[in-house]
């Protein structure tokens, strides 16, 4: 994933639509150099739709997301 191109786009979204919160899942299945389509051999995306998570993908992505972006959901959901 080319984060160099994605970061300005996300910043623009943050500034132009301040009431819309963005959950940053785009970088969860990625390292600094490579993105993967599976976690532990289980596919992240549905076999017929690479834009929507599979059940296994959403189950496996969530804890990885929490590690990568600690506190982001609390801020978005306004938990205190």
N, C-alpha and C. Protein backbone atom coordinates (compact mmCIF):
# COMPACT_ATOMS: atom_id res chain seq x y z
N UNK A 1 0.85 -1.17 0.00
CA UNK A 1 0.00 0.00 0.00
C UNK A 1 0.89 1.23 0.00
N UNK A 2 0.58 2.17 -0.83
CA UNK A 2 1.38 3.37 -0.92
C UNK A 2 0.87 4.41 0.08
N UNK A 3 1.40 4.35 1.29
CA UNK A 3 0.97 5.25 2.35
C UNK A 3 1.31 6.70 2.02
N UNK A 4 2.34 6.90 1.21
CA UNK A 4 2.72 8.25 0.80
C UNK A 4 1.55 8.95 0.09
N UNK A 5 0.79 8.21 -0.69
CA UNK A 5 -0.37 8.77 -1.39
C UNK A 5 -1.62 8.78 -0.54
N UNK A 6 -1.75 7.81 0.34
CA UNK A 6 -2.96 7.67 1.14
C UNK A 6 -3.05 8.69 2.27
N UNK A 7 -1.96 8.98 2.92
CA UNK A 7 -1.99 9.91 4.07
C UNK A 7 -2.57 11.28 3.72
N UNK A 8 -2.14 11.93 2.62
CA UNK A 8 -2.75 13.23 2.28
C UNK A 8 -4.25 13.13 2.02
N UNK A 9 -4.68 12.06 1.41
CA UNK A 9 -6.10 11.86 1.15
C UNK A 9 -6.88 11.76 2.46
N UNK A 10 -6.37 11.00 3.41
CA UNK A 10 -7.03 10.87 4.71
C UNK A 10 -7.04 12.19 5.47
N UNK A 11 -5.94 12.93 5.41
CA UNK A 11 -5.90 14.25 6.05
C UNK A 11 -6.93 15.18 5.44
N UNK A 12 -7.06 15.14 4.12
CA UNK A 12 -8.05 15.97 3.44
C UNK A 12 -9.46 15.59 3.89
N UNK A 13 -9.74 14.31 4.02
CA UNK A 13 -11.05 13.86 4.50
C UNK A 13 -11.29 14.36 5.92
N UNK A 14 -10.28 14.28 6.76
CA UNK A 14 -10.42 14.74 8.15
C UNK A 14 -10.75 16.23 8.20
N UNK A 15 -10.12 17.02 7.33
CA UNK A 15 -10.33 18.47 7.34
C UNK A 15 -11.64 18.88 6.66
N UNK A 16 -11.99 18.19 5.58
CA UNK A 16 -13.18 18.60 4.83
C UNK A 16 -14.48 18.06 5.42
N UNK A 17 -14.39 17.00 6.20
CA UNK A 17 -15.59 16.41 6.82
C UNK A 17 -15.31 16.12 8.29
N UNK A 18 -15.17 17.17 9.11
CA UNK A 18 -14.75 16.96 10.49
C UNK A 18 -15.74 16.16 11.35
N UNK A 19 -16.98 16.06 10.93
CA UNK A 19 -17.96 15.30 11.71
C UNK A 19 -17.98 13.82 11.33
N UNK A 20 -17.19 13.45 10.35
CA UNK A 20 -17.10 12.05 9.93
C UNK A 20 -15.81 11.46 10.48
N UNK A 21 -15.94 10.39 11.24
CA UNK A 21 -14.76 9.72 11.80
C UNK A 21 -14.33 8.59 10.87
N UNK A 22 -13.04 8.42 10.75
CA UNK A 22 -12.48 7.38 9.90
C UNK A 22 -11.82 6.32 10.77
N UNK A 23 -12.22 5.08 10.57
CA UNK A 23 -11.58 3.97 11.25
C UNK A 23 -10.46 3.51 10.33
N UNK A 24 -9.24 3.60 10.81
CA UNK A 24 -8.06 3.34 9.97
C UNK A 24 -7.70 1.85 9.95
N UNK A 25 -8.39 1.09 9.13
CA UNK A 25 -8.09 -0.34 9.02
C UNK A 25 -7.20 -0.64 7.82
N UNK A 26 -6.95 0.35 6.97
CA UNK A 26 -6.21 0.13 5.73
C UNK A 26 -4.80 -0.41 5.97
N UNK A 27 -4.20 -0.09 7.08
CA UNK A 27 -2.81 -0.50 7.31
C UNK A 27 -2.69 -1.73 8.21
N UNK A 28 -3.79 -2.26 8.68
CA UNK A 28 -3.71 -3.37 9.63
C UNK A 28 -3.09 -4.63 9.01
N UNK A 29 -3.49 -5.05 7.82
CA UNK A 29 -2.86 -6.25 7.28
C UNK A 29 -1.52 -5.99 6.60
N UNK A 30 -0.92 -4.84 6.88
CA UNK A 30 0.31 -4.46 6.17
C UNK A 30 1.48 -4.25 7.12
N UNK A 31 2.65 -4.58 6.62
CA UNK A 31 3.89 -4.20 7.29
C UNK A 31 4.39 -2.96 6.56
N UNK A 32 5.62 -2.57 6.81
CA UNK A 32 6.17 -1.41 6.11
C UNK A 32 6.37 -1.67 4.62
N UNK A 33 6.49 -2.94 4.25
CA UNK A 33 6.82 -3.25 2.86
C UNK A 33 5.81 -4.13 2.13
N UNK A 34 4.87 -4.73 2.87
CA UNK A 34 4.01 -5.72 2.22
C UNK A 34 2.64 -5.79 2.89
N UNK A 35 1.60 -6.00 2.08
CA UNK A 35 0.25 -6.23 2.61
C UNK A 35 -0.13 -7.68 2.32
N UNK A 36 -0.92 -8.25 3.21
CA UNK A 36 -1.32 -9.64 3.06
C UNK A 36 -2.83 -9.75 2.91
N UNK A 37 -3.28 -10.79 2.28
CA UNK A 37 -4.72 -11.03 2.13
C UNK A 37 -5.22 -12.09 3.09
N UNK A 38 -4.36 -12.52 4.00
CA UNK A 38 -4.79 -13.53 4.97
C UNK A 38 -4.09 -13.33 6.31
N UNK A 39 -4.71 -13.83 7.34
CA UNK A 39 -4.10 -13.92 8.68
C UNK A 39 -4.05 -15.39 9.03
N UNK A 40 -2.87 -15.88 9.30
CA UNK A 40 -2.69 -17.28 9.67
C UNK A 40 -3.34 -18.23 8.68
N UNK A 41 -3.27 -17.90 7.39
CA UNK A 41 -3.81 -18.77 6.35
C UNK A 41 -5.31 -18.62 6.10
N UNK A 42 -6.01 -17.82 6.89
CA UNK A 42 -7.44 -17.60 6.67
C UNK A 42 -7.64 -16.31 5.89
N UNK A 43 -8.47 -16.35 4.84
CA UNK A 43 -8.64 -15.16 4.00
C UNK A 43 -9.30 -14.01 4.75
N UNK A 44 -8.78 -12.82 4.55
CA UNK A 44 -9.34 -11.62 5.18
C UNK A 44 -10.60 -11.19 4.44
N UNK A 45 -10.56 -11.27 3.11
CA UNK A 45 -11.68 -10.80 2.30
C UNK A 45 -12.50 -11.96 1.76
N UNK A 46 -13.75 -11.68 1.44
CA UNK A 46 -14.63 -12.69 0.87
C UNK A 46 -14.06 -13.14 -0.46
N UNK A 47 -14.22 -14.41 -0.79
CA UNK A 47 -13.62 -14.95 -2.01
C UNK A 47 -14.16 -14.29 -3.28
N UNK A 48 -15.38 -13.77 -3.24
CA UNK A 48 -15.99 -13.18 -4.43
C UNK A 48 -16.06 -11.65 -4.37
N UNK A 49 -15.41 -11.06 -3.32
CA UNK A 49 -15.56 -9.61 -3.12
C UNK A 49 -14.38 -9.11 -2.31
N UNK A 50 -13.41 -8.50 -2.98
CA UNK A 50 -12.21 -8.05 -2.28
C UNK A 50 -12.36 -6.67 -1.63
N UNK A 51 -13.60 -6.22 -1.47
CA UNK A 51 -13.85 -4.95 -0.79
C UNK A 51 -14.52 -5.15 0.56
N UNK A 52 -14.97 -6.37 0.84
CA UNK A 52 -15.65 -6.65 2.10
C UNK A 52 -14.97 -7.80 2.83
N UNK A 53 -14.85 -7.64 4.13
CA UNK A 53 -14.19 -8.66 4.94
C UNK A 53 -15.01 -9.93 5.02
N UNK A 54 -14.31 -11.05 5.09
CA UNK A 54 -14.97 -12.32 5.37
C UNK A 54 -15.25 -12.36 6.88
N UNK A 55 -16.01 -13.34 7.32
CA UNK A 55 -16.27 -13.49 8.75
C UNK A 55 -14.94 -13.71 9.48
N UNK A 56 -14.12 -14.60 8.94
CA UNK A 56 -12.80 -14.83 9.54
C UNK A 56 -11.97 -13.56 9.51
N UNK A 57 -12.04 -12.82 8.41
CA UNK A 57 -11.27 -11.59 8.28
C UNK A 57 -11.64 -10.56 9.32
N UNK A 58 -12.94 -10.36 9.53
CA UNK A 58 -13.35 -9.36 10.53
C UNK A 58 -13.01 -9.81 11.94
N UNK A 59 -13.12 -11.12 12.19
CA UNK A 59 -12.77 -11.65 13.51
C UNK A 59 -11.28 -11.51 13.78
N UNK A 60 -10.46 -11.76 12.78
CA UNK A 60 -9.01 -11.68 12.94
C UNK A 60 -8.48 -10.25 12.83
N UNK A 61 -9.13 -9.43 12.03
CA UNK A 61 -8.66 -8.06 11.84
C UNK A 61 -8.86 -7.20 13.09
N UNK A 62 -9.96 -7.41 13.80
CA UNK A 62 -10.29 -6.56 14.95
C UNK A 62 -9.18 -6.50 16.00
N UNK A 63 -8.69 -7.64 16.51
CA UNK A 63 -7.61 -7.53 17.51
C UNK A 63 -6.33 -6.93 16.94
N UNK A 64 -6.06 -7.17 15.67
CA UNK A 64 -4.88 -6.58 15.03
C UNK A 64 -5.05 -5.06 14.91
N UNK A 65 -6.28 -4.65 14.59
CA UNK A 65 -6.59 -3.21 14.50
C UNK A 65 -6.39 -2.54 15.86
N UNK A 66 -6.88 -3.18 16.92
CA UNK A 66 -6.74 -2.60 18.27
C UNK A 66 -5.28 -2.43 18.65
N UNK A 67 -4.42 -3.37 18.24
CA UNK A 67 -2.99 -3.26 18.52
C UNK A 67 -2.36 -2.11 17.73
N UNK A 68 -2.76 -1.98 16.48
CA UNK A 68 -2.15 -0.98 15.60
C UNK A 68 -2.64 0.44 15.92
N UNK A 69 -3.90 0.55 16.37
CA UNK A 69 -4.50 1.86 16.62
C UNK A 69 -5.14 1.90 18.01
N UNK A 70 -4.35 1.77 19.07
CA UNK A 70 -4.93 1.76 20.42
C UNK A 70 -5.65 3.07 20.73
N UNK A 71 -6.85 2.96 21.25
CA UNK A 71 -7.62 4.13 21.66
C UNK A 71 -8.41 4.80 20.56
N UNK A 72 -8.19 4.42 19.30
CA UNK A 72 -8.89 5.10 18.21
C UNK A 72 -10.40 4.88 18.29
N UNK A 73 -10.84 3.65 18.52
CA UNK A 73 -12.29 3.40 18.61
C UNK A 73 -12.90 4.10 19.81
N UNK A 74 -12.19 4.12 20.92
CA UNK A 74 -12.71 4.84 22.09
C UNK A 74 -12.96 6.30 21.75
N UNK A 75 -12.03 6.90 21.04
CA UNK A 75 -12.18 8.30 20.65
C UNK A 75 -13.36 8.48 19.69
N UNK A 76 -13.45 7.60 18.71
CA UNK A 76 -14.51 7.70 17.71
C UNK A 76 -15.88 7.47 18.34
N UNK A 77 -15.97 6.47 19.19
CA UNK A 77 -17.25 6.13 19.80
C UNK A 77 -17.53 6.96 21.03
N UNK A 78 -16.56 7.79 21.40
CA UNK A 78 -16.70 8.73 22.51
C UNK A 78 -16.90 8.06 23.87
N UNK A 79 -16.22 6.92 24.04
CA UNK A 79 -16.24 6.26 25.33
C UNK A 79 -15.38 7.06 26.30
N UNK A 80 -15.77 7.12 27.52
CA UNK A 80 -14.98 7.83 28.54
C UNK A 80 -14.52 6.85 29.60
